[in-house]
């Protein structure tokens, strides 16, 4: 996300480490787990209905129709559903320590 020059300043100002600390604290408090998914997982470009992955999806495109199954996808909702599905898969298969965890890799499990 820092590579996007329009978003970089706002992202840098957010205090990611404090957010991560709070997220871990709240997850532990509510007996939840925090796991990681691959930071390059195409959550926005993958159709949550059929799994088709678009070649490109520019940031300004907020809605798209899957060329494979013709389902209409809202970018953020589609990404959230895909991340939830991956999180549930990771939870079912067990957490792995994948080393470097950036905030874009985190998902709340369980």
PDB file of N, CA and C in Angstrom:
ATOM      1  N   UNK A   1       0.825  -1.196   0.000  1.00  0.00           N
ATOM      2  CA  UNK A   1       0.000   0.000   0.000  1.00  0.00           C
ATOM      3  C   UNK A   1       0.865   1.255   0.000  1.00  0.00           C
ATOM      4  N   UNK A   2       2.065   1.154   0.542  1.00  0.00           N
ATOM      5  CA  UNK A   2       2.938   2.323   0.583  1.00  0.00           C
ATOM      6  C   UNK A   2       3.439   2.693  -0.808  1.00  0.00           C
ATOM      7  N   UNK A   3       3.384   1.765  -1.752  1.00  0.00           N
ATOM      8  CA  UNK A   3       3.815   2.067  -3.109  1.00  0.00           C
ATOM      9  C   UNK A   3       2.848   3.011  -3.814  1.00  0.00           C
ATOM     10  N   UNK A   4       1.610   3.044  -3.361  1.00  0.00           N
ATOM     11  CA  UNK A   4       0.618   3.946  -3.935  1.00  0.00           C
ATOM     12  C   UNK A   4       0.865   5.343  -3.365  1.00  0.00           C
ATOM     13  N   UNK A   5       1.409   6.242  -4.188  1.00  0.00           N
ATOM     14  CA  UNK A   5       1.803   7.569  -3.719  1.00  0.00           C
ATOM     15  C   UNK A   5       0.625   8.404  -3.225  1.00  0.00           C
ATOM     16  N   UNK A   6      -0.573   8.098  -3.674  1.00  0.00           N
ATOM     17  CA  UNK A   6      -1.744   8.847  -3.213  1.00  0.00           C
ATOM     18  C   UNK A   6      -2.149   8.424  -1.798  1.00  0.00           C
ATOM     19  N   UNK A   7      -1.853   7.184  -1.423  1.00  0.00           N
ATOM     20  CA  UNK A   7      -2.238   6.671  -0.109  1.00  0.00           C
ATOM     21  C   UNK A   7      -1.093   6.644   0.895  1.00  0.00           C
ATOM     22  N   UNK A   8       0.140   6.738   0.437  1.00  0.00           N
ATOM     23  CA  UNK A   8       1.300   6.503   1.284  1.00  0.00           C
ATOM     24  C   UNK A   8       1.351   7.401   2.514  1.00  0.00           C
ATOM     25  N   UNK A   9       1.105   8.693   2.349  1.00  0.00           N
ATOM     26  CA  UNK A   9       1.196   9.611   3.480  1.00  0.00           C
ATOM     27  C   UNK A   9       0.156   9.268   4.547  1.00  0.00           C
ATOM     28  N   UNK A  10      -1.068   9.015   4.134  1.00  0.00           N
ATOM     29  CA  UNK A  10      -2.124   8.677   5.090  1.00  0.00           C
ATOM     30  C   UNK A  10      -1.811   7.367   5.800  1.00  0.00           C
ATOM     31  N   UNK A  11      -1.275   6.403   5.080  1.00  0.00           N
ATOM     32  CA  UNK A  11      -0.953   5.112   5.677  1.00  0.00           C
ATOM     33  C   UNK A  11       0.201   5.257   6.668  1.00  0.00           C
ATOM     34  N   UNK A  12       1.208   6.029   6.308  1.00  0.00           N
ATOM     35  CA  UNK A  12       2.354   6.222   7.188  1.00  0.00           C
ATOM     36  C   UNK A  12       1.950   6.912   8.486  1.00  0.00           C
ATOM     37  N   UNK A  13       0.943   7.753   8.449  1.00  0.00           N
ATOM     38  CA  UNK A  13       0.503   8.500   9.623  1.00  0.00           C
ATOM     39  C   UNK A  13      -0.401   7.698  10.546  1.00  0.00           C
ATOM     40  N   UNK A  14      -0.827   6.531  10.148  1.00  0.00           N
ATOM     41  CA  UNK A  14      -1.828   5.781  10.904  1.00  0.00           C
ATOM     42  C   UNK A  14      -1.309   5.101  12.157  1.00  0.00           C
ATOM     43  N   UNK A  15      -0.037   4.950  12.309  1.00  0.00           N
ATOM     44  CA  UNK A  15       0.494   4.273  13.483  1.00  0.00           C
ATOM     45  C   UNK A  15       0.176   2.789  13.464  1.00  0.00           C
ATOM     46  N   UNK A  16       0.675   2.088  12.445  1.00  0.00           N
ATOM     47  CA  UNK A  16       0.361   0.678  12.271  1.00  0.00           C
ATOM     48  C   UNK A  16       0.773  -0.166  13.470  1.00  0.00           C
ATOM     49  N   UNK A  17       1.921   0.143  14.063  1.00  0.00           N
ATOM     50  CA  UNK A  17       2.371  -0.692  15.176  1.00  0.00           C
ATOM     51  C   UNK A  17       1.413  -0.588  16.366  1.00  0.00           C
ATOM     52  N   UNK A  18       0.882   0.604  16.618  1.00  0.00           N
ATOM     53  CA  UNK A  18      -0.092   0.757  17.704  1.00  0.00           C
ATOM     54  C   UNK A  18      -1.385   0.018  17.370  1.00  0.00           C
ATOM     55  N   UNK A  19      -1.820   0.098  16.123  1.00  0.00           N
ATOM     56  CA  UNK A  19      -3.019  -0.621  15.712  1.00  0.00           C
ATOM     57  C   UNK A  19      -2.820  -2.126  15.888  1.00  0.00           C
ATOM     58  N   UNK A  20      -1.665  -2.626  15.470  1.00  0.00           N
ATOM     59  CA  UNK A  20      -1.364  -4.057  15.605  1.00  0.00           C
ATOM     60  C   UNK A  20      -1.335  -4.469  17.075  1.00  0.00           C
ATOM     61  N   UNK A  21      -0.725  -3.639  17.928  1.00  0.00           N
ATOM     62  CA  UNK A  21      -0.682  -3.930  19.359  1.00  0.00           C
ATOM     63  C   UNK A  21      -2.089  -4.017  19.940  1.00  0.00           C
ATOM     64  N   UNK A  22      -2.938  -3.068  19.581  1.00  0.00           N
ATOM     65  CA  UNK A  22      -4.328  -3.068  20.052  1.00  0.00           C
ATOM     66  C   UNK A  22      -5.098  -4.276  19.522  1.00  0.00           C
ATOM     67  N   UNK A  23      -4.875  -4.611  18.266  1.00  0.00           N
ATOM     68  CA  UNK A  23      -5.544  -5.757  17.657  1.00  0.00           C
ATOM     69  C   UNK A  23      -5.165  -7.051  18.375  1.00  0.00           C
ATOM     70  N   UNK A  24      -3.883  -7.232  18.653  1.00  0.00           N
ATOM     71  CA  UNK A  24      -3.436  -8.425  19.367  1.00  0.00           C
ATOM     72  C   UNK A  24      -4.009  -8.467  20.784  1.00  0.00           C
ATOM     73  N   UNK A  25      -4.040  -7.318  21.447  1.00  0.00           N
ATOM     74  CA  UNK A  25      -4.596  -7.230  22.797  1.00  0.00           C
ATOM     75  C   UNK A  25      -6.075  -7.614  22.815  1.00  0.00           C
ATOM     76  N   UNK A  26      -6.845  -7.035  21.887  1.00  0.00           N
ATOM     77  CA  UNK A  26      -8.287  -7.315  21.837  1.00  0.00           C
ATOM     78  C   UNK A  26      -8.554  -8.766  21.440  1.00  0.00           C
ATOM     79  N   UNK A  27      -7.756  -9.296  20.520  1.00  0.00           N
ATOM     80  CA  UNK A  27      -7.932 -10.692  20.109  1.00  0.00           C
ATOM     81  C   UNK A  27      -7.701 -11.628  21.294  1.00  0.00           C
ATOM     82  N   UNK A  28      -6.656 -11.371  22.065  1.00  0.00           N
ATOM     83  CA  UNK A  28      -6.359 -12.198  23.238  1.00  0.00           C
ATOM     84  C   UNK A  28      -7.475 -12.055  24.280  1.00  0.00           C
ATOM     85  N   UNK A  29      -7.950 -10.838  24.473  1.00  0.00           N
ATOM     86  CA  UNK A  29      -9.000 -10.559  25.448  1.00  0.00           C
ATOM     87  C   UNK A  29     -10.286 -11.320  25.115  1.00  0.00           C
ATOM     88  N   UNK A  30     -10.620 -11.388  23.826  1.00  0.00           N
ATOM     89  CA  UNK A  30     -11.839 -12.064  23.374  1.00  0.00           C
ATOM     90  C   UNK A  30     -11.582 -13.509  22.947  1.00  0.00           C
ATOM     91  N   UNK A  31     -10.412 -14.031  23.319  1.00  0.00           N
ATOM     92  CA  UNK A  31     -10.029 -15.411  23.015  1.00  0.00           C
ATOM     93  C   UNK A  31     -10.101 -15.717  21.520  1.00  0.00           C
ATOM     94  N   UNK A  32      -9.551 -14.820  20.737  1.00  0.00           N
ATOM     95  CA  UNK A  32      -9.464 -14.977  19.286  1.00  0.00           C
ATOM     96  C   UNK A  32      -8.007 -15.180  18.903  1.00  0.00           C
ATOM     97  N   UNK A  33      -7.782 -15.616  17.693  1.00  0.00           N
ATOM     98  CA  UNK A  33      -6.439 -15.807  17.178  1.00  0.00           C
ATOM     99  C   UNK A  33      -6.220 -14.847  16.015  1.00  0.00           C
ATOM    100  N   UNK A  34      -5.001 -14.429  15.853  1.00  0.00           N
ATOM    101  CA  UNK A  34      -4.625 -13.616  14.700  1.00  0.00           C
ATOM    102  C   UNK A  34      -3.699 -14.474  13.856  1.00  0.00           C
ATOM    103  N   UNK A  35      -4.031 -14.625  12.612  1.00  0.00           N
ATOM    104  CA  UNK A  35      -3.224 -15.425  11.708  1.00  0.00           C
ATOM    105  C   UNK A  35      -2.833 -14.598  10.503  1.00  0.00           C
ATOM    106  N   UNK A  36      -2.040 -15.167   9.646  1.00  0.00           N
ATOM    107  CA  UNK A  36      -1.543 -14.455   8.475  1.00  0.00           C
ATOM    108  C   UNK A  36      -2.016 -15.130   7.196  1.00  0.00           C
ATOM    109  N   UNK A  37      -2.280 -14.311   6.216  1.00  0.00           N
ATOM    110  CA  UNK A  37      -2.488 -14.807   4.858  1.00  0.00           C
ATOM    111  C   UNK A  37      -1.423 -14.149   3.998  1.00  0.00           C
ATOM    112  N   UNK A  38      -1.151 -14.709   2.875  1.00  0.00           N
ATOM    113  CA  UNK A  38      -0.131 -14.180   1.979  1.00  0.00           C
ATOM    114  C   UNK A  38      -0.474 -12.749   1.575  1.00  0.00           C
ATOM    115  N   UNK A  39       0.483 -11.838   1.710  1.00  0.00           N
ATOM    116  CA  UNK A  39       0.230 -10.435   1.396  1.00  0.00           C
ATOM    117  C   UNK A  39      -0.091 -10.220  -0.085  1.00  0.00           C
ATOM    118  N   UNK A  40       0.275 -11.136  -0.954  1.00  0.00           N
ATOM    119  CA  UNK A  40       0.003 -10.998  -2.386  1.00  0.00           C
ATOM    120  C   UNK A  40      -1.231 -11.795  -2.810  1.00  0.00           C
ATOM    121  N   UNK A  41      -1.977 -12.317  -1.871  1.00  0.00           N
ATOM    122  CA  UNK A  41      -3.212 -13.025  -2.199  1.00  0.00           C
ATOM    123  C   UNK A  41      -4.146 -12.066  -2.929  1.00  0.00           C
ATOM    124  N   UNK A  42      -4.655 -12.448  -4.106  1.00  0.00           N
ATOM    125  CA  UNK A  42      -5.468 -11.527  -4.913  1.00  0.00           C
ATOM    126  C   UNK A  42      -6.909 -11.428  -4.414  1.00  0.00           C
ATOM    127  N   UNK A  43      -7.102 -10.916  -3.219  1.00  0.00           N
ATOM    128  CA  UNK A  43      -8.428 -10.904  -2.598  1.00  0.00           C
ATOM    129  C   UNK A  43      -9.438 -10.056  -3.365  1.00  0.00           C
ATOM    130  N   UNK A  44      -9.011  -8.965  -3.964  1.00  0.00           N
ATOM    131  CA  UNK A  44      -9.940  -8.118  -4.721  1.00  0.00           C
ATOM    132  C   UNK A  44     -10.191  -8.666  -6.118  1.00  0.00           C
ATOM    133  N   UNK A  45      -9.165  -9.294  -6.704  1.00  0.00           N
ATOM    134  CA  UNK A  45      -9.259  -9.760  -8.091  1.00  0.00           C
ATOM    135  C   UNK A  45      -9.869 -11.143  -8.238  1.00  0.00           C
ATOM    136  N   UNK A  46     -10.028 -11.879  -7.150  1.00  0.00           N
ATOM    137  CA  UNK A  46     -10.582 -13.232  -7.201  1.00  0.00           C
ATOM    138  C   UNK A  46     -12.086 -13.181  -6.956  1.00  0.00           C
ATOM    139  N   UNK A  47     -12.861 -13.774  -7.836  1.00  0.00           N
ATOM    140  CA  UNK A  47     -14.313 -13.835  -7.662  1.00  0.00           C
ATOM    141  C   UNK A  47     -14.625 -14.770  -6.501  1.00  0.00           C
ATOM    142  N   UNK A  48     -15.385 -14.287  -5.518  1.00  0.00           N
ATOM    143  CA  UNK A  48     -15.675 -15.132  -4.362  1.00  0.00           C
ATOM    144  C   UNK A  48     -16.701 -16.212  -4.676  1.00  0.00           C
ATOM    145  N   UNK A  49     -17.361 -16.109  -5.827  1.00  0.00           N
ATOM    146  CA  UNK A  49     -18.347 -17.125  -6.217  1.00  0.00           C
ATOM    147  C   UNK A  49     -17.713 -18.323  -6.920  1.00  0.00           C
ATOM    148  N   UNK A  50     -16.839 -18.041  -7.900  1.00  0.00           N
ATOM    149  CA  UNK A  50     -16.296 -19.149  -8.696  1.00  0.00           C
ATOM    150  C   UNK A  50     -14.777 -19.290  -8.620  1.00  0.00           C
ATOM    151  N   UNK A  51     -14.074 -18.282  -8.070  1.00  0.00           N
ATOM    152  CA  UNK A  51     -12.627 -18.369  -7.936  1.00  0.00           C
ATOM    153  C   UNK A  51     -11.838 -17.817  -9.106  1.00  0.00           C
ATOM    154  N   UNK A  52     -12.528 -17.318 -10.140  1.00  0.00           N
ATOM    155  CA  UNK A  52     -11.828 -16.733 -11.290  1.00  0.00           C
ATOM    156  C   UNK A  52     -10.999 -15.540 -10.837  1.00  0.00           C
ATOM    157  N   UNK A  53      -9.765 -15.407 -11.353  1.00  0.00           N
ATOM    158  CA  UNK A  53      -8.884 -14.300 -10.991  1.00  0.00           C
ATOM    159  C   UNK A  53      -8.686 -13.400 -12.208  1.00  0.00           C
ATOM    160  N   UNK A  54      -8.976 -12.112 -12.036  1.00  0.00           N
ATOM    161  CA  UNK A  54      -8.768 -11.130 -13.097  1.00  0.00           C
ATOM    162  C   UNK A  54      -7.280 -10.871 -13.282  1.00  0.00           C
ATOM    163  N   UNK A  55      -6.872 -10.552 -14.511  1.00  0.00           N
ATOM    164  CA  UNK A  55      -5.472 -10.219 -14.764  1.00  0.00           C
ATOM    165  C   UNK A  55      -5.100  -8.888 -14.118  1.00  0.00           C
ATOM    166  N   UNK A  56      -5.975  -7.891 -14.287  1.00  0.00           N
ATOM    167  CA  UNK A  56      -5.727  -6.566 -13.723  1.00  0.00           C
ATOM    168  C   UNK A  56      -7.015  -6.028 -13.126  1.00  0.00           C
ATOM    169  N   UNK A  57      -6.884  -5.259 -12.057  1.00  0.00           N
ATOM    170  CA  UNK A  57      -8.017  -4.575 -11.453  1.00  0.00           C
ATOM    171  C   UNK A  57      -7.502  -3.270 -10.855  1.00  0.00           C
ATOM    172  N   UNK A  58      -7.557  -2.191 -11.638  1.00  0.00           N
ATOM    173  CA  UNK A  58      -7.062  -0.900 -11.146  1.00  0.00           C
ATOM    174  C   UNK A  58      -7.814  -0.454  -9.891  1.00  0.00           C
ATOM    175  N   UNK A  59      -7.147   0.332  -9.060  1.00  0.00           N
ATOM    176  CA  UNK A  59      -7.712   0.775  -7.798  1.00  0.00           C
ATOM    177  C   UNK A  59      -9.008   1.560  -7.980  1.00  0.00           C
ATOM    178  N   UNK A  60      -9.121   2.285  -9.069  1.00  0.00           N
ATOM    179  CA  UNK A  60     -10.336   3.095  -9.279  1.00  0.00           C
ATOM    180  C   UNK A  60     -11.571   2.264  -9.644  1.00  0.00           C
ATOM    181  N   UNK A  61     -11.390   1.009 -10.014  1.00  0.00           N
ATOM    182  CA  UNK A  61     -12.522   0.130 -10.332  1.00  0.00           C
ATOM    183  C   UNK A  61     -13.066  -0.424  -9.019  1.00  0.00           C
ATOM    184  N   UNK A  62     -14.254   0.023  -8.630  1.00  0.00           N
ATOM    185  CA  UNK A  62     -14.839  -0.362  -7.349  1.00  0.00           C
ATOM    186  C   UNK A  62     -15.831  -1.520  -7.477  1.00  0.00           C
ATOM    187  N   UNK A  63     -16.356  -1.751  -8.674  1.00  0.00           N
ATOM    188  CA  UNK A  63     -17.290  -2.842  -8.937  1.00  0.00           C
ATOM    189  C   UNK A  63     -16.876  -3.519 -10.229  1.00  0.00           C
ATOM    190  N   UNK A  64     -17.064  -4.845 -10.287  1.00  0.00           N
ATOM    191  CA  UNK A  64     -16.756  -5.561 -11.520  1.00  0.00           C
ATOM    192  C   UNK A  64     -17.617  -6.809 -11.630  1.00  0.00           C
ATOM    193  N   UNK A  65     -17.809  -7.252 -12.866  1.00  0.00           N
ATOM    194  CA  UNK A  65     -18.590  -8.455 -13.142  1.00  0.00           C
ATOM    195  C   UNK A  65     -17.641  -9.558 -13.580  1.00  0.00           C
ATOM    196  N   UNK A  66     -17.761 -10.696 -12.963  1.00  0.00           N
ATOM    197  CA  UNK A  66     -16.891 -11.831 -13.259  1.00  0.00           C
ATOM    198  C   UNK A  66     -17.157 -12.322 -14.688  1.00  0.00           C
ATOM    199  N   UNK A  67     -16.118 -12.427 -15.512  1.00  0.00           N
ATOM    200  CA  UNK A  67     -16.312 -12.925 -16.880  1.00  0.00           C
ATOM    201  C   UNK A  67     -16.621 -14.420 -16.933  1.00  0.00           C
ATOM    202  N   UNK A  68     -16.366 -15.130 -15.844  1.00  0.00           N
ATOM    203  CA  UNK A  68     -16.592 -16.566 -15.818  1.00  0.00           C
ATOM    204  C   UNK A  68     -18.016 -16.936 -15.394  1.00  0.00           C
ATOM    205  N   UNK A  69     -18.498 -16.338 -14.283  1.00  0.00           N
ATOM    206  CA  UNK A  69     -19.821 -16.717 -13.766  1.00  0.00           C
ATOM    207  C   UNK A  69     -20.837 -15.570 -13.792  1.00  0.00           C
ATOM    208  N   UNK A  70     -20.426 -14.404 -14.279  1.00  0.00           N
ATOM    209  CA  UNK A  70     -21.280 -13.214 -14.406  1.00  0.00           C
ATOM    210  C   UNK A  70     -21.815 -12.679 -13.073  1.00  0.00           C
ATOM    211  N   UNK A  71     -21.179 -13.009 -11.951  1.00  0.00           N
ATOM    212  CA  UNK A  71     -21.620 -12.432 -10.675  1.00  0.00           C
ATOM    213  C   UNK A  71     -21.052 -11.018 -10.550  1.00  0.00           C
ATOM    214  N   UNK A  72     -21.855 -10.135  -9.982  1.00  0.00           N
ATOM    215  CA  UNK A  72     -21.458  -8.741  -9.800  1.00  0.00           C
ATOM    216  C   UNK A  72     -20.756  -8.625  -8.448  1.00  0.00           C
ATOM    217  N   UNK A  73     -19.537  -8.067  -8.448  1.00  0.00           N
ATOM    218  CA  UNK A  73     -18.736  -7.987  -7.232  1.00  0.00           C
ATOM    219  C   UNK A  73     -18.432  -6.539  -6.864  1.00  0.00           C
ATOM    220  N   UNK A  74     -18.642  -6.199  -5.606  1.00  0.00           N
ATOM    221  CA  UNK A  74     -18.163  -4.944  -5.052  1.00  0.00           C
ATOM    222  C   UNK A  74     -16.759  -5.232  -4.549  1.00  0.00           C
ATOM    223  N   UNK A  75     -15.803  -4.420  -4.947  1.00  0.00           N
ATOM    224  CA  UNK A  75     -14.396  -4.701  -4.684  1.00  0.00           C
ATOM    225  C   UNK A  75     -14.114  -5.034  -3.215  1.00  0.00           C
ATOM    226  N   UNK A  76     -14.510  -4.165  -2.292  1.00  0.00           N
ATOM    227  CA  UNK A  76     -14.174  -4.358  -0.881  1.00  0.00           C
ATOM    228  C   UNK A  76     -14.920  -5.531  -0.254  1.00  0.00           C
ATOM    229  N   UNK A  77     -16.185  -5.680  -0.597  1.00  0.00           N
ATOM    230  CA  UNK A  77     -16.966  -6.797  -0.052  1.00  0.00           C
ATOM    231  C   UNK A  77     -16.420  -8.127  -0.579  1.00  0.00           C
ATOM    232  N   UNK A  78     -16.089  -8.156  -1.853  1.00  0.00           N
ATOM    233  CA  UNK A  78     -15.512  -9.357  -2.461  1.00  0.00           C
ATOM    234  C   UNK A  78     -14.198  -9.719  -1.778  1.00  0.00           C
ATOM    235  N   UNK A  79     -13.340  -8.726  -1.549  1.00  0.00           N
ATOM    236  CA  UNK A  79     -12.057  -8.973  -0.880  1.00  0.00           C
ATOM    237  C   UNK A  79     -12.281  -9.498   0.538  1.00  0.00           C
ATOM    238  N   UNK A  80     -13.233  -8.900   1.254  1.00  0.00           N
ATOM    239  CA  UNK A  80     -13.521  -9.340   2.622  1.00  0.00           C
ATOM    240  C   UNK A  80     -13.993 -10.790   2.650  1.00  0.00           C
ATOM    241  N   UNK A  81     -14.855 -11.161   1.719  1.00  0.00           N
ATOM    242  CA  UNK A  81     -15.341 -12.543   1.664  1.00  0.00           C
ATOM    243  C   UNK A  81     -14.204 -13.515   1.346  1.00  0.00           C
ATOM    244  N   UNK A  82     -13.306 -13.104   0.444  1.00  0.00           N
ATOM    245  CA  UNK A  82     -12.168 -13.958   0.107  1.00  0.00           C
ATOM    246  C   UNK A  82     -11.212 -14.106   1.287  1.00  0.00           C
ATOM    247  N   UNK A  83     -10.948 -13.015   2.002  1.00  0.00           N
ATOM    248  CA  UNK A  83     -10.056 -13.069   3.162  1.00  0.00           C
ATOM    249  C   UNK A  83     -10.681 -13.917   4.264  1.00  0.00           C
ATOM    250  N   UNK A  84     -11.990 -13.787   4.448  1.00  0.00           N
ATOM    251  CA  UNK A  84     -12.676 -14.621   5.445  1.00  0.00           C
ATOM    252  C   UNK A  84     -12.532 -16.107   5.093  1.00  0.00           C
ATOM    253  N   UNK A  85     -12.714 -16.444   3.822  1.00  0.00           N
ATOM    254  CA  UNK A  85     -12.598 -17.840   3.393  1.00  0.00           C
ATOM    255  C   UNK A  85     -11.191 -18.369   3.617  1.00  0.00           C
ATOM    256  N   UNK A  86     -10.175 -17.565   3.311  1.00  0.00           N
ATOM    257  CA  UNK A  86      -8.794 -17.989   3.532  1.00  0.00           C
ATOM    258  C   UNK A  86      -8.534 -18.138   5.031  1.00  0.00           C
ATOM    259  N   UNK A  87      -9.043 -17.207   5.824  1.00  0.00           N
ATOM    260  CA  UNK A  87      -8.880 -17.285   7.269  1.00  0.00           C
ATOM    261  C   UNK A  87      -9.500 -18.545   7.847  1.00  0.00           C
ATOM    262  N   UNK A  88     -10.681 -18.892   7.363  1.00  0.00           N
ATOM    263  CA  UNK A  88     -11.334 -20.112   7.836  1.00  0.00           C
ATOM    264  C   UNK A  88     -10.554 -21.352   7.424  1.00  0.00           C
ATOM    265  N   UNK A  89      -9.945 -21.321   6.247  1.00  0.00           N
ATOM    266  CA  UNK A  89      -9.116 -22.430   5.788  1.00  0.00           C
ATOM    267  C   UNK A  89      -7.877 -22.566   6.660  1.00  0.00           C
ATOM    268  N   UNK A  90      -7.231 -21.430   6.951  1.00  0.00           N
ATOM    269  CA  UNK A  90      -6.045 -21.443   7.808  1.00  0.00           C
ATOM    270  C   UNK A  90      -6.415 -21.959   9.193  1.00  0.00           C
ATOM    271  N   UNK A  91      -7.561 -21.536   9.707  1.00  0.00           N
ATOM    272  CA  UNK A  91      -8.006 -21.985  11.026  1.00  0.00           C
ATOM    273  C   UNK A  91      -8.258 -23.495  11.030  1.00  0.00           C
ATOM    274  N   UNK A  92      -8.881 -23.999   9.978  1.00  0.00           N
ATOM    275  CA  UNK A  92      -9.182 -25.428   9.902  1.00  0.00           C
ATOM    276  C   UNK A  92      -7.913 -26.276   9.754  1.00  0.00           C
ATOM    277  N   UNK A  93      -6.928 -25.736   9.034  1.00  0.00           N
ATOM    278  CA  UNK A  93      -5.702 -26.491   8.780  1.00  0.00           C
ATOM    279  C   UNK A  93      -4.622 -26.226   9.812  1.00  0.00           C
ATOM    280  N   UNK A  94      -4.820 -25.241  10.661  1.00  0.00           N
ATOM    281  CA  UNK A  94      -3.820 -24.888  11.677  1.00  0.00           C
ATOM    282  C   UNK A  94      -3.008 -23.688  11.241  1.00  0.00           C
ATOM    283  N   UNK A  95      -2.586 -22.905  12.227  1.00  0.00           N
ATOM    284  CA  UNK A  95      -1.781 -21.725  11.950  1.00  0.00           C
ATOM    285  C   UNK A  95      -0.343 -22.116  11.695  1.00  0.00           C
ATOM    286  N   UNK A  96       0.299 -21.406  10.791  1.00  0.00           N
ATOM    287  CA  UNK A  96       1.717 -21.626  10.550  1.00  0.00           C
ATOM    288  C   UNK A  96       2.452 -20.334  10.821  1.00  0.00           C
ATOM    289  N   UNK A  97       3.676 -20.448  11.270  1.00  0.00           N
ATOM    290  CA  UNK A  97       4.470 -19.243  11.488  1.00  0.00           C
ATOM    291  C   UNK A  97       5.191 -18.938  10.191  1.00  0.00           C
ATOM    292  N   UNK A  98       4.696 -17.943   9.488  1.00  0.00           N
ATOM    293  CA  UNK A  98       5.238 -17.631   8.168  1.00  0.00           C
ATOM    294  C   UNK A  98       6.296 -16.540   8.231  1.00  0.00           C
ATOM    295  N   UNK A  99       6.869 -16.288   9.400  1.00  0.00           N
ATOM    296  CA  UNK A  99       7.940 -15.301   9.499  1.00  0.00           C
ATOM    297  C   UNK A  99       7.406 -13.891   9.481  1.00  0.00           C
ATOM    298  N   UNK A 100       7.660 -13.164   8.407  1.00  0.00           N
ATOM    299  CA  UNK A 100       7.299 -11.757   8.302  1.00  0.00           C
ATOM    300  C   UNK A 100       5.795 -11.580   8.191  1.00  0.00           C
ATOM    301  N   UNK A 101       5.209 -10.909   9.157  1.00  0.00           N
ATOM    302  CA  UNK A 101       3.781 -10.608   9.126  1.00  0.00           C
ATOM    303  C   UNK A 101       3.614  -9.102   9.073  1.00  0.00           C
ATOM    304  N   UNK A 102       3.153  -8.594   7.965  1.00  0.00           N
ATOM    305  CA  UNK A 102       2.842  -7.178   7.911  1.00  0.00           C
ATOM    306  C   UNK A 102       1.354  -7.032   8.175  1.00  0.00           C
ATOM    307  N   UNK A 103       0.914  -5.823   8.415  1.00  0.00           N
ATOM    308  CA  UNK A 103      -0.480  -5.610   8.767  1.00  0.00           C
ATOM    309  C   UNK A 103      -1.410  -6.044   7.636  1.00  0.00           C
ATOM    310  N   UNK A 104      -0.953  -5.980   6.405  1.00  0.00           N
ATOM    311  CA  UNK A 104      -1.796  -6.384   5.292  1.00  0.00           C
ATOM    312  C   UNK A 104      -2.000  -7.885   5.271  1.00  0.00           C
ATOM    313  N   UNK A 105      -1.212  -8.620   6.053  1.00  0.00           N
ATOM    314  CA  UNK A 105      -1.318 -10.063   6.073  1.00  0.00           C
ATOM    315  C   UNK A 105      -2.250 -10.582   7.169  1.00  0.00           C
ATOM    316  N   UNK A 106      -2.711  -9.716   8.044  1.00  0.00           N
ATOM    317  CA  UNK A 106      -3.426 -10.184   9.216  1.00  0.00           C
ATOM    318  C   UNK A 106      -4.911 -10.416   8.962  1.00  0.00           C
ATOM    319  N   UNK A 107      -5.421 -11.424   9.623  1.00  0.00           N
ATOM    320  CA  UNK A 107      -6.838 -11.701   9.583  1.00  0.00           C
ATOM    321  C   UNK A 107      -7.212 -12.284  10.943  1.00  0.00           C
ATOM    322  N   UNK A 108      -8.353 -11.891  11.481  1.00  0.00           N
ATOM    323  CA  UNK A 108      -8.778 -12.413  12.764  1.00  0.00           C
ATOM    324  C   UNK A 108      -9.475 -13.751  12.541  1.00  0.00           C
ATOM    325  N   UNK A 109      -9.070 -14.734  13.290  1.00  0.00           N
ATOM    326  CA  UNK A 109      -9.585 -16.082  13.119  1.00  0.00           C
ATOM    327  C   UNK A 109     -10.347 -16.510  14.367  1.00  0.00           C
ATOM    328  N   UNK A 110     -11.281 -17.413  14.188  1.00  0.00           N
ATOM    329  CA  UNK A 110     -11.957 -18.063  15.295  1.00  0.00           C
ATOM    330  C   UNK A 110     -12.932 -17.257  16.040  1.00  0.00           C
TER     331      UNK A 110
END
